[in-house]
Amino acid sequence: MEKEISRRFLKGMPVSPGIVMGKACVFQDILYLVERRNLEEGHAESEIARLKQAVRRVRDELIQDQLRVSREIGKREAEIFLAHVAS
C-alpha cells in the first residue's frame, strides 16, 4: 500500500528566484508550548534557582557540542555553538 502524502502550501520570502519542490521542515516556536502557571507565595526563589541551574546545564551542553563538532567536523563550523553560549 502506498503512503499517502499530504500537501501544504507555505508562503515565505524567497532567497533566490525559481520554483522548488521537495521536503521541507517546519519548526514551531517552542515558547508557544510553555505552560504558564502561578507560583505559591515564597516559591519564586526556588524557581529562579531551578532556572539558573537549567541555563548552566544547557550552557555546558553547548560547550560540549562545540568541542565535539570542532573535533569531528571543523573549528569554523563549531563556532555557531559559541554564539549561543555568549547569548
Protein backbone atom coordinates (compact mmCIF):
# COMPACT_ATOMS: atom_id res chain seq x y z
CA MET A 1 0.00 0.00 0.00
CA GLU A 2 1.36 3.42 -0.90
CA LYS A 3 1.83 6.03 1.75
CA GLU A 4 -0.48 8.99 1.30
CA ILE A 5 1.36 12.27 1.03
CA SER A 6 -0.31 15.33 2.48
CA ARG A 7 0.38 18.68 0.87
CA ARG A 8 0.54 22.10 2.42
CA PHE A 9 1.39 25.31 0.74
CA LEU A 10 3.68 27.63 2.64
CA LYS A 11 4.26 31.27 1.90
CA GLY A 12 7.54 32.96 2.57
CA MET A 13 10.22 35.26 1.29
CA PRO A 14 12.35 33.66 -1.43
CA VAL A 15 16.11 33.96 -1.21
CA SER A 16 16.63 33.05 -4.87
CA PRO A 17 14.43 33.05 -7.96
CA GLY A 18 12.57 29.98 -9.21
CA ILE A 19 10.33 27.22 -8.00
CA VAL A 20 11.33 24.43 -5.71
CA MET A 21 9.66 21.16 -4.84
CA GLY A 22 10.82 18.86 -2.14
CA LYS A 23 10.73 18.10 1.55
CA ALA A 24 10.51 20.96 4.00
CA CYS A 25 10.90 21.02 7.74
CA VAL A 26 8.55 23.31 9.60
CA PHE A 27 9.71 24.34 13.03
CA GLN A 28 7.36 25.67 15.67
CA ASP A 29 8.35 28.26 18.22
CA ILE A 30 8.67 26.25 21.44
CA LEU A 31 7.62 29.23 23.53
CA TYR A 32 4.06 28.50 22.42
CA LEU A 33 4.37 25.18 24.24
CA VAL A 34 5.50 26.62 27.59
CA GLU A 35 2.98 26.00 30.33
CA ARG A 36 2.05 29.10 32.25
CA ARG A 37 1.31 28.58 35.93
CA ASN A 38 1.10 30.60 39.10
CA LEU A 39 3.55 30.14 41.93
CA GLU A 40 2.59 29.90 45.53
CA GLU A 41 3.94 32.68 47.67
CA GLY A 42 7.55 32.09 48.69
CA HIS A 43 8.37 29.73 45.81
CA ALA A 44 9.82 32.32 43.42
CA GLU A 45 13.36 32.00 44.78
CA SER A 46 13.46 28.23 44.31
CA GLU A 47 12.07 28.55 40.77
CA ILE A 48 14.73 31.15 39.91
CA ALA A 49 17.39 28.76 41.24
CA ARG A 50 15.96 25.95 39.06
CA LEU A 51 16.05 28.25 36.03
CA LYS A 52 19.65 29.24 36.66
CA GLN A 53 20.62 25.57 37.06
CA ALA A 54 18.89 24.72 33.76
CA VAL A 55 20.68 27.58 31.98
CA ARG A 56 24.04 26.35 33.33
CA ARG A 57 23.26 22.82 32.18
CA VAL A 58 22.35 23.98 28.66
CA ARG A 59 25.50 26.15 28.52
CA ASP A 60 27.62 23.14 29.48
CA GLU A 61 25.92 21.02 26.81
CA LEU A 62 26.52 23.70 24.17
CA ILE A 63 30.21 23.83 25.07
CA GLN A 64 30.46 20.02 24.86
CA ASP A 65 28.66 20.09 21.48
CA GLN A 66 31.04 22.81 20.27
CA LEU A 67 34.08 20.75 21.26
CA ARG A 68 32.70 17.61 19.59
CA VAL A 69 31.74 19.39 16.36
CA SER A 70 35.11 21.17 16.30
CA ARG A 71 36.88 17.81 16.61
CA GLU A 72 34.66 15.87 14.18
CA ILE A 73 33.77 18.49 11.55
CA GLY A 74 35.84 21.61 11.98
CA LYS A 75 36.55 24.58 14.18
CA ARG A 76 34.80 27.08 11.93
CA GLU A 77 31.57 25.04 11.80
CA ALA A 78 31.60 24.69 15.58
CA GLU A 79 31.67 28.44 16.19
CA ILE A 80 27.86 28.63 15.96
CA PHE A 81 27.68 26.95 19.38
CA LEU A 82 29.83 29.68 20.92
CA ALA A 83 27.42 32.30 19.61
CA HIS A 84 24.65 30.61 21.59
CA VAL A 85 26.81 30.39 24.71
CA ALA A 86 27.54 34.12 24.54
CA SER A 87 23.84 34.99 24.43
